[in-house]
Amino acid sequence: MIRIGFVSSIGNGGVSVTYPDTGKTTTELPVLAFAGIKQTFEKDDAVVVVHMSNDNSMAVVLGKFYAGDDPNATINVSDGAMSFTDSTGSITLAEIIAK
């Protein structure tokens, strides 16, 4: 089952999520690290959570999502190159490694 909730608290191993439709809050859930990149969260971030079909208490937070406002920073992977962009500019992973 896929659910949308809001970060309630942030721990060392994951985040707790509150679901607005039920008002219930999960225990600390693990977070997907896509391509090995650790995600960071703030309280009240909107997140997508996948619950295992065999046990509703088992779940993984896939990450944040945005509806309306664009995120302040982006990571782009194209043609084997990774770049990071925010309001201050852009830098590639190769440029970071070269420093």
PDB file of N, CA and C in Angstrom:
ATOM      1  N   MET A   1       0.841  -1.165   0.000  1.00  0.00           N
ATOM      2  CA  MET A   1       0.000   0.000   0.000  1.00  0.00           C
ATOM      3  C   MET A   1       0.898   1.243   0.000  1.00  0.00           C
ATOM      4  N   ILE A   2       0.568   2.210  -0.830  1.00  0.00           N
ATOM      5  CA  ILE A   2       1.317   3.467  -0.901  1.00  0.00           C
ATOM      6  C   ILE A   2       0.505   4.538  -0.193  1.00  0.00           C
ATOM      7  N   ARG A   3       1.173   5.283   0.711  1.00  0.00           N
ATOM      8  CA  ARG A   3       0.492   6.329   1.480  1.00  0.00           C
ATOM      9  C   ARG A   3       1.294   7.615   1.418  1.00  0.00           C
ATOM     10  N   ILE A   4       0.606   8.720   1.656  1.00  0.00           N
ATOM     11  CA  ILE A   4       1.234  10.034   1.762  1.00  0.00           C
ATOM     12  C   ILE A   4       1.029  10.515   3.186  1.00  0.00           C
ATOM     13  N   GLY A   5       2.124  10.989   3.793  1.00  0.00           N
ATOM     14  CA  GLY A   5       2.050  11.487   5.153  1.00  0.00           C
ATOM     15  C   GLY A   5       3.011  12.638   5.343  1.00  0.00           C
ATOM     16  N   PHE A   6       3.177  13.033   6.593  1.00  0.00           N
ATOM     17  CA  PHE A   6       4.050  14.156   6.925  1.00  0.00           C
ATOM     18  C   PHE A   6       5.036  13.732   8.007  1.00  0.00           C
ATOM     19  N   VAL A   7       6.285  14.149   7.862  1.00  0.00           N
ATOM     20  CA  VAL A   7       7.324  13.796   8.828  1.00  0.00           C
ATOM     21  C   VAL A   7       6.934  14.352  10.189  1.00  0.00           C
ATOM     22  N   SER A   8       6.887  13.470  11.163  1.00  0.00           N
ATOM     23  CA  SER A   8       6.539  13.836  12.526  1.00  0.00           C
ATOM     24  C   SER A   8       7.789  14.064  13.368  1.00  0.00           C
ATOM     25  N   SER A   9       8.763  13.157  13.213  1.00  0.00           N
ATOM     26  CA  SER A   9      10.030  13.294  13.937  1.00  0.00           C
ATOM     27  C   SER A   9      11.136  12.638  13.131  1.00  0.00           C
ATOM     28  N   ILE A  10      12.356  13.069  13.413  1.00  0.00           N
ATOM     29  CA  ILE A  10      13.526  12.591  12.677  1.00  0.00           C
ATOM     30  C   ILE A  10      14.460  11.923  13.672  1.00  0.00           C
ATOM     31  N   GLY A  11      14.826  10.676  13.371  1.00  0.00           N
ATOM     32  CA  GLY A  11      15.725   9.935  14.243  1.00  0.00           C
ATOM     33  C   GLY A  11      17.028   9.622  13.544  1.00  0.00           C
ATOM     34  N   ASN A  12      17.872   8.836  14.198  1.00  0.00           N
ATOM     35  CA  ASN A  12      19.163   8.467  13.614  1.00  0.00           C
ATOM     36  C   ASN A  12      19.016   7.467  12.477  1.00  0.00           C
ATOM     37  N   GLY A  13      17.972   6.619  12.543  1.00  0.00           N
ATOM     38  CA  GLY A  13      17.826   5.577  11.539  1.00  0.00           C
ATOM     39  C   GLY A  13      16.674   5.774  10.586  1.00  0.00           C
ATOM     40  N   GLY A  14      15.952   6.874  10.698  1.00  0.00           N
ATOM     41  CA  GLY A  14      14.812   7.093   9.823  1.00  0.00           C
ATOM     42  C   GLY A  14      13.923   8.204  10.325  1.00  0.00           C
ATOM     43  N   VAL A  15      12.655   8.167   9.907  1.00  0.00           N
ATOM     44  CA  VAL A  15      11.700   9.198  10.300  1.00  0.00           C
ATOM     45  C   VAL A  15      10.382   8.553  10.721  1.00  0.00           C
ATOM     46  N   SER A  16       9.649   9.243  11.573  1.00  0.00           N
ATOM     47  CA  SER A  16       8.281   8.860  11.905  1.00  0.00           C
ATOM     48  C   SER A  16       7.356   9.701  11.044  1.00  0.00           C
ATOM     49  N   VAL A  17       6.251   9.104  10.617  1.00  0.00           N
ATOM     50  CA  VAL A  17       5.331   9.766   9.698  1.00  0.00           C
ATOM     51  C   VAL A  17       3.932   9.776  10.293  1.00  0.00           C
ATOM     52  N   THR A  18       3.255  10.928  10.201  1.00  0.00           N
ATOM     53  CA  THR A  18       1.863  11.039  10.612  1.00  0.00           C
ATOM     54  C   THR A  18       0.991  11.081   9.370  1.00  0.00           C
ATOM     55  N   TYR A  19      -0.079  10.281   9.384  1.00  0.00           N
ATOM     56  CA  TYR A  19      -1.020  10.254   8.265  1.00  0.00           C
ATOM     57  C   TYR A  19      -2.209  11.149   8.597  1.00  0.00           C
ATOM     58  N   PRO A  20      -2.485  12.149   7.753  1.00  0.00           N
ATOM     59  CA  PRO A  20      -3.552  13.102   8.068  1.00  0.00           C
ATOM     60  C   PRO A  20      -4.953  12.484   8.074  1.00  0.00           C
ATOM     61  N   ASP A  21      -5.157  11.412   7.315  1.00  0.00           N
ATOM     62  CA  ASP A  21      -6.497  10.817   7.256  1.00  0.00           C
ATOM     63  C   ASP A  21      -6.861  10.056   8.528  1.00  0.00           C
ATOM     64  N   THR A  22      -5.859   9.539   9.231  1.00  0.00           N
ATOM     65  CA  THR A  22      -6.129   8.768  10.452  1.00  0.00           C
ATOM     66  C   THR A  22      -5.628   9.460  11.712  1.00  0.00           C
ATOM     67  N   GLY A  23      -4.678  10.395  11.544  1.00  0.00           N
ATOM     68  CA  GLY A  23      -4.067  11.047  12.696  1.00  0.00           C
ATOM     69  C   GLY A  23      -3.051  10.169  13.404  1.00  0.00           C
ATOM     70  N   LYS A  24      -2.819   8.963  12.888  1.00  0.00           N
ATOM     71  CA  LYS A  24      -1.873   8.037  13.513  1.00  0.00           C
ATOM     72  C   LYS A  24      -0.451   8.328  13.052  1.00  0.00           C
ATOM     73  N   THR A  25       0.502   8.071  13.956  1.00  0.00           N
ATOM     74  CA  THR A  25       1.919   8.275  13.673  1.00  0.00           C
ATOM     75  C   THR A  25       2.631   6.933  13.724  1.00  0.00           C
ATOM     76  N   THR A  26       3.498   6.690  12.749  1.00  0.00           N
ATOM     77  CA  THR A  26       4.253   5.441  12.689  1.00  0.00           C
ATOM     78  C   THR A  26       5.389   5.453  13.699  1.00  0.00           C
ATOM     79  N   THR A  27       5.969   4.305  13.920  1.00  0.00           N
ATOM     80  CA  THR A  27       7.251   4.239  14.603  1.00  0.00           C
ATOM     81  C   THR A  27       8.291   4.751  13.606  1.00  0.00           C
ATOM     82  N   GLU A  28       9.539   4.833  14.016  1.00  0.00           N
ATOM     83  CA  GLU A  28      10.590   5.294  13.103  1.00  0.00           C
ATOM     84  C   GLU A  28      10.728   4.309  11.943  1.00  0.00           C
ATOM     85  N   LEU A  29      10.620   4.820  10.718  1.00  0.00           N
ATOM     86  CA  LEU A  29      10.690   3.994   9.512  1.00  0.00           C
ATOM     87  C   LEU A  29      12.007   4.219   8.791  1.00  0.00           C
ATOM     88  N   PRO A  30      12.553   3.178   8.160  1.00  0.00           N
ATOM     89  CA  PRO A  30      13.762   3.364   7.355  1.00  0.00           C
ATOM     90  C   PRO A  30      13.445   4.194   6.112  1.00  0.00           C
ATOM     91  N   VAL A  31      14.491   4.818   5.561  1.00  0.00           N
ATOM     92  CA  VAL A  31      14.351   5.700   4.401  1.00  0.00           C
ATOM     93  C   VAL A  31      15.169   5.149   3.242  1.00  0.00           C
ATOM     94  N   LEU A  32      14.585   5.135   2.051  1.00  0.00           N
ATOM     95  CA  LEU A  32      15.279   4.694   0.850  1.00  0.00           C
ATOM     96  C   LEU A  32      16.453   5.628   0.555  1.00  0.00           C
ATOM     97  N   ALA A  33      17.610   5.050   0.268  1.00  0.00           N
ATOM     98  CA  ALA A  33      18.790   5.830  -0.124  1.00  0.00           C
ATOM     99  C   ALA A  33      19.055   5.536  -1.593  1.00  0.00           C
ATOM    100  N   PHE A  34      18.296   6.172  -2.475  1.00  0.00           N
ATOM    101  CA  PHE A  34      18.420   5.936  -3.909  1.00  0.00           C
ATOM    102  C   PHE A  34      19.832   6.270  -4.369  1.00  0.00           C
ATOM    103  N   ALA A  35      20.468   5.360  -5.074  1.00  0.00           N
ATOM    104  CA  ALA A  35      21.841   5.511  -5.567  1.00  0.00           C
ATOM    105  C   ALA A  35      22.816   5.776  -4.423  1.00  0.00           C
ATOM    106  N   GLY A  36      22.464   5.347  -3.204  1.00  0.00           N
ATOM    107  CA  GLY A  36      23.339   5.526  -2.055  1.00  0.00           C
ATOM    108  C   GLY A  36      23.363   6.934  -1.494  1.00  0.00           C
ATOM    109  N   ILE A  37      22.461   7.807  -1.968  1.00  0.00           N
ATOM    110  CA  ILE A  37      22.424   9.197  -1.501  1.00  0.00           C
ATOM    111  C   ILE A  37      21.458   9.289  -0.327  1.00  0.00           C
ATOM    112  N   LYS A  38      21.964   9.736   0.825  1.00  0.00           N
ATOM    113  CA  LYS A  38      21.145   9.862   2.025  1.00  0.00           C
ATOM    114  C   LYS A  38      20.198  11.052   1.881  1.00  0.00           C
ATOM    115  N   GLN A  39      18.930  10.819   2.167  1.00  0.00           N
ATOM    116  CA  GLN A  39      17.944  11.895   2.112  1.00  0.00           C
ATOM    117  C   GLN A  39      17.893  12.607   3.457  1.00  0.00           C
ATOM    118  N   THR A  40      17.617  13.894   3.422  1.00  0.00           N
ATOM    119  CA  THR A  40      17.438  14.663   4.650  1.00  0.00           C
ATOM    120  C   THR A  40      16.001  15.168   4.702  1.00  0.00           C
ATOM    121  N   PHE A  41      15.493  15.318   5.903  1.00  0.00           N
ATOM    122  CA  PHE A  41      14.101  15.710   6.096  1.00  0.00           C
ATOM    123  C   PHE A  41      13.998  16.794   7.149  1.00  0.00           C
ATOM    124  N   GLU A  42      12.894  17.530   7.078  1.00  0.00           N
ATOM    125  CA  GLU A  42      12.512  18.475   8.115  1.00  0.00           C
ATOM    126  C   GLU A  42      11.121  18.092   8.593  1.00  0.00           C
ATOM    127  N   LYS A  43      10.803  18.474   9.818  1.00  0.00           N
ATOM    128  CA  LYS A  43       9.470  18.192  10.346  1.00  0.00           C
ATOM    129  C   LYS A  43       8.421  18.771   9.403  1.00  0.00           C
ATOM    130  N   ASP A  44       7.360  18.027   9.173  1.00  0.00           N
ATOM    131  CA  ASP A  44       6.219  18.392   8.322  1.00  0.00           C
ATOM    132  C   ASP A  44       6.480  18.276   6.829  1.00  0.00           C
ATOM    133  N   ASP A  45       7.647  17.747   6.406  1.00  0.00           N
ATOM    134  CA  ASP A  45       7.850  17.462   4.980  1.00  0.00           C
ATOM    135  C   ASP A  45       6.819  16.425   4.541  1.00  0.00           C
ATOM    136  N   ALA A  46       6.240  16.607   3.351  1.00  0.00           N
ATOM    137  CA  ALA A  46       5.332  15.615   2.776  1.00  0.00           C
ATOM    138  C   ALA A  46       6.173  14.482   2.197  1.00  0.00           C
ATOM    139  N   VAL A  47       5.808  13.236   2.523  1.00  0.00           N
ATOM    140  CA  VAL A  47       6.582  12.075   2.075  1.00  0.00           C
ATOM    141  C   VAL A  47       5.666  10.983   1.521  1.00  0.00           C
ATOM    142  N   VAL A  48       6.258  10.137   0.670  1.00  0.00           N
ATOM    143  CA  VAL A  48       5.577   8.962   0.137  1.00  0.00           C
ATOM    144  C   VAL A  48       6.125   7.741   0.877  1.00  0.00           C
ATOM    145  N   VAL A  49       5.221   6.909   1.378  1.00  0.00           N
ATOM    146  CA  VAL A  49       5.592   5.735   2.171  1.00  0.00           C
ATOM    147  C   VAL A  49       4.986   4.489   1.530  1.00  0.00           C
ATOM    148  N   VAL A  50       5.788   3.435   1.417  1.00  0.00           N
ATOM    149  CA  VAL A  50       5.291   2.156   0.917  1.00  0.00           C
ATOM    150  C   VAL A  50       5.207   1.187   2.089  1.00  0.00           C
ATOM    151  N   HIS A  51       3.998   0.687   2.353  1.00  0.00           N
ATOM    152  CA  HIS A  51       3.780  -0.328   3.386  1.00  0.00           C
ATOM    153  C   HIS A  51       3.754  -1.691   2.720  1.00  0.00           C
ATOM    154  N   MET A  52       4.379  -2.671   3.343  1.00  0.00           N
ATOM    155  CA  MET A  52       4.390  -4.030   2.818  1.00  0.00           C
ATOM    156  C   MET A  52       2.980  -4.611   2.904  1.00  0.00           C
ATOM    157  N   SER A  53       2.601  -5.387   1.916  1.00  0.00           N
ATOM    158  CA  SER A  53       1.235  -5.912   1.866  1.00  0.00           C
ATOM    159  C   SER A  53       0.947  -6.932   2.959  1.00  0.00           C
ATOM    160  N   ASN A  54       1.981  -7.593   3.455  1.00  0.00           N
ATOM    161  CA  ASN A  54       1.756  -8.638   4.458  1.00  0.00           C
ATOM    162  C   ASN A  54       1.762  -8.116   5.890  1.00  0.00           C
ATOM    163  N   ASP A  55       2.196  -6.871   6.103  1.00  0.00           N
ATOM    164  CA  ASP A  55       2.265  -6.335   7.461  1.00  0.00           C
ATOM    165  C   ASP A  55       2.273  -4.820   7.386  1.00  0.00           C
ATOM    166  N   ASN A  56       1.192  -4.185   7.809  1.00  0.00           N
ATOM    167  CA  ASN A  56       1.061  -2.738   7.703  1.00  0.00           C
ATOM    168  C   ASN A  56       2.084  -1.983   8.552  1.00  0.00           C
ATOM    169  N   SER A  57       2.698  -2.653   9.548  1.00  0.00           N
ATOM    170  CA  SER A  57       3.690  -1.978  10.385  1.00  0.00           C
ATOM    171  C   SER A  57       5.064  -1.942   9.716  1.00  0.00           C
ATOM    172  N   MET A  58       5.261  -2.736   8.682  1.00  0.00           N
ATOM    173  CA  MET A  58       6.525  -2.749   7.934  1.00  0.00           C
ATOM    174  C   MET A  58       6.401  -1.773   6.771  1.00  0.00           C
ATOM    175  N   ALA A  59       7.300  -0.780   6.719  1.00  0.00           N
ATOM    176  CA  ALA A  59       7.196   0.232   5.668  1.00  0.00           C
ATOM    177  C   ALA A  59       8.553   0.861   5.406  1.00  0.00           C
ATOM    178  N   VAL A  60       8.665   1.526   4.257  1.00  0.00           N
ATOM    179  CA  VAL A  60       9.865   2.267   3.875  1.00  0.00           C
ATOM    180  C   VAL A  60       9.425   3.626   3.341  1.00  0.00           C
ATOM    181  N   VAL A  61      10.100   4.682   3.786  1.00  0.00           N
ATOM    182  CA  VAL A  61       9.840   6.022   3.263  1.00  0.00           C
ATOM    183  C   VAL A  61      10.620   6.172   1.963  1.00  0.00           C
ATOM    184  N   LEU A  62       9.904   6.414   0.861  1.00  0.00           N
ATOM    185  CA  LEU A  62      10.575   6.578  -0.430  1.00  0.00           C
ATOM    186  C   LEU A  62      11.218   7.948  -0.551  1.00  0.00           C
ATOM    187  N   GLY A  63      10.597   8.964   0.004  1.00  0.00           N
ATOM    188  CA  GLY A  63      11.184  10.294  -0.045  1.00  0.00           C
ATOM    189  C   GLY A  63      10.137  11.383  -0.057  1.00  0.00           C
ATOM    190  N   LYS A  64      10.621  12.618  -0.161  1.00  0.00           N
ATOM    191  CA  LYS A  64       9.758  13.794  -0.201  1.00  0.00           C
ATOM    192  C   LYS A  64       9.130  13.927  -1.578  1.00  0.00           C
ATOM    193  N   PHE A  65       8.044  14.674  -1.649  1.00  0.00           N
ATOM    194  CA  PHE A  65       7.478  15.016  -2.945  1.00  0.00           C
ATOM    195  C   PHE A  65       7.005  16.460  -2.895  1.00  0.00           C
ATOM    196  N   TYR A  66       6.844  17.035  -4.050  1.00  0.00           N
ATOM    197  CA  TYR A  66       6.485  18.440  -4.169  1.00  0.00           C
ATOM    198  C   TYR A  66       5.256  18.563  -5.040  1.00  0.00           C
ATOM    199  N   ALA A  67       4.319  19.364  -4.610  1.00  0.00           N
ATOM    200  CA  ALA A  67       3.113  19.629  -5.395  1.00  0.00           C
ATOM    201  C   ALA A  67       2.907  21.136  -5.413  1.00  0.00           C
ATOM    202  N   GLY A  68       3.230  21.755  -6.511  1.00  0.00           N
ATOM    203  CA  GLY A  68       3.068  23.204  -6.614  1.00  0.00           C
ATOM    204  C   GLY A  68       4.406  23.906  -6.612  1.00  0.00           C
ATOM    205  N   ASP A  69       5.037  23.972  -5.462  1.00  0.00           N
ATOM    206  CA  ASP A  69       6.329  24.649  -5.366  1.00  0.00           C
ATOM    207  C   ASP A  69       7.439  23.711  -5.794  1.00  0.00           C
ATOM    208  N   ASP A  70       8.411  24.253  -6.524  1.00  0.00           N
ATOM    209  CA  ASP A  70       9.580  23.469  -6.898  1.00  0.00           C
ATOM    210  C   ASP A  70      10.515  23.372  -5.704  1.00  0.00           C
ATOM    211  N   PRO A  71      11.262  22.276  -5.599  1.00  0.00           N
ATOM    212  CA  PRO A  71      12.248  22.189  -4.518  1.00  0.00           C
ATOM    213  C   PRO A  71      13.330  23.250  -4.709  1.00  0.00           C
ATOM    214  N   ASN A  72      13.978  23.629  -3.616  1.00  0.00           N
ATOM    215  CA  ASN A  72      15.015  24.657  -3.676  1.00  0.00           C
ATOM    216  C   ASN A  72      16.300  24.160  -4.312  1.00  0.00           C
ATOM    217  N   ALA A  73      16.524  22.873  -4.294  1.00  0.00           N
ATOM    218  CA  ALA A  73      17.752  22.314  -4.854  1.00  0.00           C
ATOM    219  C   ALA A  73      17.411  21.055  -5.643  1.00  0.00           C
ATOM    220  N   THR A  74      18.228  20.776  -6.661  1.00  0.00           N
ATOM    221  CA  THR A  74      17.994  19.584  -7.474  1.00  0.00           C
ATOM    222  C   THR A  74      19.295  18.837  -7.704  1.00  0.00           C
ATOM    223  N   ILE A  75      19.173  17.548  -7.940  1.00  0.00           N
ATOM    224  CA  ILE A  75      20.287  16.703  -8.369  1.00  0.00           C
ATOM    225  C   ILE A  75      19.896  16.164  -9.731  1.00  0.00           C
ATOM    226  N   ASN A  76      20.771  16.331 -10.714  1.00  0.00           N
ATOM    227  CA  ASN A  76      20.490  15.881 -12.068  1.00  0.00           C
ATOM    228  C   ASN A  76      21.580  14.913 -12.519  1.00  0.00           C
ATOM    229  N   VAL A  77      21.175  13.778 -13.072  1.00  0.00           N
ATOM    230  CA  VAL A  77      22.121  12.820 -13.639  1.00  0.00           C
ATOM    231  C   VAL A  77      21.808  12.703 -15.116  1.00  0.00           C
ATOM    232  N   SER A  78      22.806  13.029 -15.959  1.00  0.00           N
ATOM    233  CA  SER A  78      22.613  12.996 -17.405  1.00  0.00           C
ATOM    234  C   SER A  78      23.915  12.607 -18.082  1.00  0.00           C
ATOM    235  N   ASP A  79      23.850  11.655 -18.990  1.00  0.00           N
ATOM    236  CA  ASP A  79      25.030  11.204 -19.737  1.00  0.00           C
ATOM    237  C   ASP A  79      26.191  10.833 -18.822  1.00  0.00           C
ATOM    238  N   GLY A  80      25.890  10.207 -17.691  1.00  0.00           N
ATOM    239  CA  GLY A  80      26.927   9.748 -16.778  1.00  0.00           C
ATOM    240  C   GLY A  80      27.514  10.825 -15.885  1.00  0.00           C
ATOM    241  N   ALA A  81      26.967  12.046 -15.936  1.00  0.00           N
ATOM    242  CA  ALA A  81      27.467  13.138 -15.097  1.00  0.00           C
ATOM    243  C   ALA A  81      26.388  13.554 -14.103  1.00  0.00           C
ATOM    244  N   MET A  82      26.811  13.847 -12.874  1.00  0.00           N
ATOM    245  CA  MET A  82      25.875  14.291 -11.845  1.00  0.00           C
ATOM    246  C   MET A  82      26.143  15.754 -11.535  1.00  0.00           C
ATOM    247  N   SER A  83      25.071  16.557 -11.486  1.00  0.00           N
ATOM    248  CA  SER A  83      25.226  17.968 -11.138  1.00  0.00           C
ATOM    249  C   SER A  83      24.242  18.338 -10.036  1.00  0.00           C
ATOM    250  N   PHE A  84      24.631  19.319  -9.244  1.00  0.00           N
ATOM    251  CA  PHE A  84      23.836  19.809  -8.125  1.00  0.00           C
ATOM    252  C   PHE A  84      23.536  21.276  -8.387  1.00  0.00           C
ATOM    253  N   THR A  85      22.271  21.671  -8.274  1.00  0.00           N
ATOM    254  CA  THR A  85      21.871  23.041  -8.566  1.00  0.00           C
ATOM    255  C   THR A  85      20.990  23.566  -7.441  1.00  0.00           C
ATOM    256  N   ASP A  86      21.237  24.822  -7.051  1.00  0.00           N
ATOM    257  CA  ASP A  86      20.335  25.512  -6.134  1.00  0.00           C
ATOM    258  C   ASP A  86      20.327  26.988  -6.507  1.00  0.00           C
ATOM    259  N   SER A  87      19.777  27.828  -5.647  1.00  0.00           N
ATOM    260  CA  SER A  87      19.641  29.246  -5.976  1.00  0.00           C
ATOM    261  C   SER A  87      20.977  29.963  -6.113  1.00  0.00           C
ATOM    262  N   THR A  88      22.064  29.363  -5.612  1.00  0.00           N
ATOM    263  CA  THR A  88      23.378  30.014  -5.705  1.00  0.00           C
ATOM    264  C   THR A  88      24.149  29.619  -6.952  1.00  0.00           C
ATOM    265  N   GLY A  89      23.713  28.575  -7.656  1.00  0.00           N
ATOM    266  CA  GLY A  89      24.416  28.150  -8.865  1.00  0.00           C
ATOM    267  C   GLY A  89      24.397  26.650  -9.028  1.00  0.00           C
ATOM    268  N   SER A  90      25.370  26.143  -9.783  1.00  0.00           N
ATOM    269  CA  SER A  90      25.421  24.723 -10.105  1.00  0.00           C
ATOM    270  C   SER A  90      26.866  24.240 -10.082  1.00  0.00           C
ATOM    271  N   ILE A  91      27.063  22.968  -9.722  1.00  0.00           N
ATOM    272  CA  ILE A  91      28.384  22.362  -9.744  1.00  0.00           C
ATOM    273  C   ILE A  91      28.219  20.880 -10.089  1.00  0.00           C
ATOM    274  N   THR A  92      29.183  20.337 -10.816  1.00  0.00           N
ATOM    275  CA  THR A  92      29.134  18.916 -11.154  1.00  0.00           C
ATOM    276  C   THR A  92      29.917  18.120 -10.122  1.00  0.00           C
ATOM    277  N   LEU A  93      29.635  16.831 -10.062  1.00  0.00           N
ATOM    278  CA  LEU A  93      30.373  15.957  -9.161  1.00  0.00           C
ATOM    279  C   LEU A  93      31.849  15.934  -9.543  1.00  0.00           C
ATOM    280  N   ALA A  94      32.153  15.959 -10.840  1.00  0.00           N
ATOM    281  CA  ALA A  94      33.550  15.979 -11.297  1.00  0.00           C
ATOM    282  C   ALA A  94      34.276  17.216 -10.776  1.00  0.00           C
ATOM    283  N   GLU A  95      33.598  18.363 -10.748  1.00  0.00           N
ATOM    284  CA  GLU A  95      34.219  19.588 -10.225  1.00  0.00           C
ATOM    285  C   GLU A  95      34.484  19.477  -8.730  1.00  0.00           C
ATOM    286  N   ILE A  96      33.580  18.848  -8.014  1.00  0.00           N
ATOM    287  CA  ILE A  96      33.769  18.668  -6.575  1.00  0.00           C
ATOM    288  C   ILE A  96      34.959  17.760  -6.309  1.00  0.00           C
ATOM    289  N   ILE A  97      35.058  16.655  -7.048  1.00  0.00           N
ATOM    290  CA  ILE A  97      36.160  15.708  -6.868  1.00  0.00           C
ATOM    291  C   ILE A  97      37.489  16.357  -7.221  1.00  0.00           C
ATOM    292  N   ALA A  98      37.512  17.194  -8.246  1.00  0.00           N
ATOM    293  CA  ALA A  98      38.745  17.852  -8.684  1.00  0.00           C
ATOM    294  C   ALA A  98      39.271  18.841  -7.654  1.00  0.00           C
ATOM    295  N   LYS A  99      38.393  19.339  -6.790  1.00  0.00           N
ATOM    296  CA  LYS A  99      38.826  20.310  -5.769  1.00  0.00           C
ATOM    297  C   LYS A  99      39.553  19.589  -4.718  1.00  0.00           C
TER     298      LYS A  99
END
